[in-house]
Each structure stands twice: as structure tokens, then as C-alpha cells.
Amino acid sequence: MDTSLLDWAIEEKLVTLRDVTWEQFKGIEAQLIDNRSVRLSYLSGILEIMSPVGPLHEYVKSTLGLLLETYMKVLGIRFYRSGGFTIEKTGYASGTPDESYSIGTKKDTPDILIEVIITSGTINRRELYKPKQVPEVWFWKSDTIRIFHLNSSGEYESVERSSFFPDLNPNILLQYIAMPDQYDAVQAFEQFLRKQRP
């Protein structure tokens, strides 16, 4: 990755609290509702409080989203971006992905969630989304993209490529995320895609 991007990797603070009831979590969430620099994740009594979300996190999130949207536009894949809204199973799990997409038709539960991980926590983030049966979760961490697909047993398994984009090699996306200029990266990726088309 370009060293100028690494310069943005300001230290995120992560606090983990255990034995937190759902009601206590909701009370803390209500107190922090106006603080956009804090992210809360809750899973079965464990609460993670992350702050701040730094510029590297935001750059990777927005660039990866733009690249995926460019891919879908060039290939004529209908999609609906639903952003980073909180996905909850009352009493058990609550998490907010960085980005989310429904493919083909607009859905209440997105098909793809994207999470950018700068600082790892205790919570297995796949477990946050399992109760809502989100088909795919993508993680960017340390200049690597890992894709997890929900299998027929209701478990997430690591896959090489997205079931929604079987012809897209995630490692190609990494090359463009690493470019120092976001606009140039998206333009270059679009040109690359158009050259690949017959």
C-alpha cells in the first residue's frame, strides 16, 4: 500500500466491556447517538466501543465502495447502496457495517456488507450479521480482502470470490485501493474493465 495512506492510520481506541445487558447497551447507544466518531458493536453481552474512525478507514471504505459500484455499472448489474446502517437482532447482536449493497432488487437485508478493519476487537464480526442471514460479508484488513459467504448450514465460510461477482478477483480491487489518488484509481479501474469486455 502507498505509504501516504499508511500515514493516515491514526490509532483507533477500542474499549471492550463484558457482561453488558441489552438494556445497558441501548442506554449507552442513546447517550452516544450524536457522536459519529464512535462505533458500537454488541454481541451476546460483549460491547465494543471504537473511537475514532480515522482517515485511512474512511478512504478505504469509500474507495472500495466506488470500485464495486464502478464494476456493477460497467457490467450492467443493478444494485442498491444502503450505506452503513445498524443491523440488529434484538437482545443479541448489533453491528454497523461500513457499506452495504442489495444486488438485483432492493431488500430489507442487504446481500453484501463491507467492513474495513483497522483495529481488531474481541467480537467475531461475522457473528453480528449471522442472525439476519446476510449472504456475504467482505472484510478489508491490512491490504487484504476476505469474503465470507453464508452457506446452506447458516455458517460463514471463506471464499475466493463473491457469489454475486464470480468473475471479479478481489486482489484486483486491492491494486486500485492502493493508488494514492481516489479519482485516478476509479477512472483507471473503469478503463481496465472496459478493455476486458468483448
Protein backbone atom coordinates (compact mmCIF):
# COMPACT_ATOMS: atom_id res chain seq x y z
CA MET A 1 0.00 0.00 0.00
CA ASP A 2 1.11 3.56 -0.69
CA THR A 3 2.94 4.92 2.37
CA SER A 4 0.92 8.15 2.26
CA LEU A 5 -2.19 6.10 3.05
CA LEU A 6 -0.45 4.46 5.99
CA ASP A 7 0.30 7.92 7.37
CA TRP A 8 -3.48 8.27 7.84
CA ALA A 9 -3.66 5.26 10.10
CA ILE A 10 -4.20 7.19 13.31
CA GLU A 11 -4.58 4.97 16.31
CA GLU A 12 -8.12 3.87 16.94
CA LYS A 13 -9.09 3.32 20.57
CA LEU A 14 -11.03 0.17 21.33
CA VAL A 15 -12.73 -0.46 24.66
CA THR A 16 -14.31 -3.86 25.36
CA LEU A 17 -16.90 -4.29 28.10
CA ARG A 18 -18.24 -7.68 29.17
CA ASP A 19 -21.47 -8.78 30.85
CA VAL A 20 -23.37 -5.84 29.39
CA THR A 21 -27.12 -6.38 29.15
CA TRP A 22 -29.02 -5.43 26.02
CA GLU A 23 -30.77 -2.69 28.00
CA GLN A 24 -27.44 -1.26 29.20
CA PHE A 25 -26.10 -1.34 25.65
CA LYS A 26 -29.16 0.54 24.36
CA GLY A 27 -28.70 3.13 27.11
CA ILE A 28 -25.06 3.72 26.11
CA GLU A 29 -26.07 3.85 22.45
CA ALA A 30 -28.69 6.52 23.22
CA GLN A 31 -26.06 8.63 25.04
CA LEU A 32 -23.73 8.50 22.03
CA ILE A 33 -26.33 8.90 19.28
CA ASP A 34 -24.95 12.25 18.11
CA ASN A 35 -21.29 11.23 18.25
CA ARG A 36 -20.47 9.99 14.75
CA SER A 37 -16.82 9.27 15.59
CA VAL A 38 -17.82 6.42 17.93
CA ARG A 39 -18.91 2.98 16.69
CA LEU A 40 -20.63 0.45 18.90
CA SER A 41 -20.82 -3.30 18.36
CA TYR A 42 -22.71 -5.67 20.64
CA LEU A 43 -22.77 -9.46 20.67
CA SER A 44 -24.26 -11.58 23.43
CA GLY A 45 -23.13 -9.46 26.39
CA ILE A 46 -19.91 -8.09 24.87
CA LEU A 47 -19.83 -4.39 23.95
CA GLU A 48 -17.06 -2.85 21.87
CA ILE A 49 -16.67 0.91 21.70
CA MET A 50 -14.40 2.12 18.88
CA SER A 51 -13.19 5.71 18.53
CA PRO A 52 -12.16 7.49 16.44
CA VAL A 53 -12.76 6.25 12.92
CA GLY A 54 -9.71 7.65 11.13
CA PRO A 55 -8.99 8.88 7.60
CA LEU A 56 -7.44 5.59 6.40
CA HIS A 57 -10.60 3.75 7.40
CA GLU A 58 -12.79 6.26 5.55
CA TYR A 59 -10.54 6.32 2.47
CA VAL A 60 -10.51 2.53 2.09
CA LYS A 61 -14.26 2.28 2.74
CA SER A 62 -15.18 4.92 0.17
CA THR A 63 -12.67 3.74 -2.44
CA LEU A 64 -13.72 0.10 -2.19
CA GLY A 65 -17.37 1.15 -2.48
CA LEU A 66 -16.67 3.31 -5.53
CA LEU A 67 -14.75 0.49 -7.21
CA LEU A 68 -17.54 -2.01 -6.61
CA GLU A 69 -20.12 0.43 -7.91
CA THR A 70 -17.99 1.07 -11.00
CA TYR A 71 -17.78 -2.68 -11.58
CA MET A 72 -21.54 -3.10 -11.32
CA LYS A 73 -22.25 -0.10 -13.57
CA VAL A 74 -19.86 -1.21 -16.30
CA LEU A 75 -21.27 -4.74 -16.26
CA GLY A 76 -24.88 -3.56 -16.07
CA ILE A 77 -25.55 -5.14 -12.69
CA ARG A 78 -28.47 -3.48 -10.93
CA PHE A 79 -27.62 -2.55 -7.32
CA TYR A 80 -28.92 -0.54 -4.40
CA ARG A 81 -26.49 1.02 -1.93
CA SER A 82 -27.82 1.19 1.61
CA GLY A 83 -24.76 2.58 3.37
CA GLY A 84 -23.74 1.87 6.93
CA PHE A 85 -26.97 1.36 8.82
CA THR A 86 -27.20 -0.67 12.01
CA ILE A 87 -28.21 -4.31 11.63
CA GLU A 88 -29.72 -5.76 14.79
CA LYS A 89 -31.13 -8.90 16.32
CA THR A 90 -32.91 -7.55 19.40
CA GLY A 91 -31.37 -8.77 22.63
CA TYR A 92 -28.41 -10.45 20.96
CA ALA A 93 -26.45 -8.57 18.28
CA SER A 94 -25.98 -5.10 16.86
CA GLY A 95 -23.40 -4.00 14.31
CA THR A 96 -22.91 -1.29 11.75
CA PRO A 97 -21.04 -2.18 8.56
CA ASP A 98 -19.17 0.47 6.62
CA GLU A 99 -21.15 -0.10 3.44
CA SER A 100 -23.90 -2.38 2.17
CA TYR A 101 -25.47 -3.34 -1.14
CA SER A 102 -28.51 -5.17 -2.40
CA ILE A 103 -27.96 -6.80 -5.79
CA GLY A 104 -30.71 -7.02 -8.40
CA THR A 105 -33.55 -5.73 -6.22
CA LYS A 106 -33.80 -3.57 -3.13
CA LYS A 107 -34.01 -5.73 0.01
CA ASP A 108 -34.50 -5.12 3.73
CA THR A 109 -31.41 -7.21 4.44
CA PRO A 110 -28.53 -6.35 2.07
CA ASP A 111 -26.76 -9.01 0.02
CA ILE A 112 -23.26 -7.69 0.71
CA LEU A 113 -21.80 -5.93 3.74
CA ILE A 114 -18.36 -4.32 3.72
CA GLU A 115 -16.25 -3.78 6.83
CA VAL A 116 -12.87 -2.04 6.99
CA ILE A 117 -10.85 -3.31 9.94
CA ILE A 118 -8.00 -1.13 11.19
CA THR A 119 -8.05 -2.26 14.84
CA SER A 120 -9.27 -5.77 15.62
CA GLY A 121 -11.54 -6.37 18.59
CA THR A 122 -12.85 -9.34 20.54
CA ILE A 123 -16.15 -9.74 18.70
CA ASN A 124 -16.25 -12.08 15.72
CA ARG A 125 -17.86 -9.63 13.33
CA ARG A 126 -19.33 -12.37 11.16
CA GLU A 127 -21.45 -13.42 14.12
CA LEU A 128 -23.01 -9.94 14.24
CA TYR A 129 -24.68 -10.48 10.88
CA LYS A 130 -25.47 -14.19 11.04
CA PRO A 131 -28.86 -13.71 12.82
CA LYS A 132 -30.06 -11.59 9.88
CA GLN A 133 -28.73 -14.13 7.35
CA VAL A 134 -26.70 -11.58 5.36
CA PRO A 135 -25.47 -13.60 2.35
CA GLU A 136 -21.96 -12.12 2.12
CA VAL A 137 -19.62 -10.14 4.33
CA TRP A 138 -16.44 -8.57 2.92
CA PHE A 139 -13.56 -7.54 5.19
CA TRP A 140 -10.64 -5.30 4.22
CA LYS A 141 -7.76 -5.64 6.67
CA SER A 142 -4.02 -4.99 6.25
CA ASP A 143 -4.31 -4.61 2.46
CA THR A 144 -6.22 -7.89 2.11
CA ILE A 145 -9.84 -8.54 1.18
CA ARG A 146 -11.53 -11.62 2.65
CA ILE A 147 -15.01 -12.65 1.56
CA PHE A 148 -17.29 -14.83 3.67
CA HIS A 149 -20.38 -16.43 2.16
CA LEU A 150 -23.28 -17.78 4.20
CA ASN A 151 -23.58 -21.47 3.36
CA SER A 152 -26.64 -23.71 3.45
CA SER A 153 -25.87 -24.62 7.08
CA GLY A 154 -26.15 -20.98 8.11
CA GLU A 155 -22.41 -20.59 8.71
CA TYR A 156 -19.99 -18.18 7.06
CA GLU A 157 -17.25 -19.80 5.04
CA SER A 158 -14.27 -18.11 3.44
CA VAL A 159 -14.47 -17.99 -0.37
CA GLU A 160 -12.07 -16.82 -3.04
CA ARG A 161 -14.67 -14.79 -4.94
CA SER A 162 -18.07 -13.30 -4.38
CA SER A 163 -21.03 -15.40 -5.46
CA PHE A 164 -22.52 -12.17 -6.82
CA PHE A 165 -19.38 -11.30 -8.84
CA PRO A 166 -17.73 -14.62 -9.74
CA ASP A 167 -15.59 -13.01 -12.45
CA LEU A 168 -14.14 -10.34 -10.14
CA ASN A 169 -10.83 -11.16 -8.48
CA PRO A 170 -10.74 -9.20 -5.19
CA ASN A 171 -6.96 -8.82 -5.48
CA ILE A 172 -7.50 -6.57 -8.49
CA LEU A 173 -9.51 -4.21 -6.27
CA LEU A 174 -6.55 -4.01 -3.87
CA GLN A 175 -4.31 -2.65 -6.62
CA TYR A 176 -6.65 0.29 -7.15
CA ILE A 177 -7.30 0.90 -3.44
CA ALA A 178 -3.52 1.25 -3.04
CA MET A 179 -3.34 4.06 -5.58
CA PRO A 180 -2.71 7.44 -3.93
CA ASP A 181 -5.46 9.31 -5.79
CA GLN A 182 -9.02 8.02 -5.45
CA TYR A 183 -10.35 9.69 -8.60
CA ASP A 184 -7.49 8.32 -10.70
CA ALA A 185 -7.98 4.86 -9.16
CA VAL A 186 -11.66 4.72 -10.09
CA GLN A 187 -11.00 6.03 -13.62
CA ALA A 188 -8.18 3.52 -14.17
CA PHE A 189 -10.34 0.66 -12.90
CA GLU A 190 -13.18 1.62 -15.22
CA GLN A 191 -10.77 1.72 -18.19
CA PHE A 192 -9.41 -1.70 -17.18
CA LEU A 193 -12.93 -3.14 -17.06
CA ARG A 194 -13.94 -1.73 -20.41
CA LYS A 195 -10.82 -3.20 -22.04
CA GLN A 196 -11.75 -6.61 -20.64
CA ARG A 197 -15.20 -6.55 -22.19
CA PRO A 198 -15.59 -8.11 -25.66
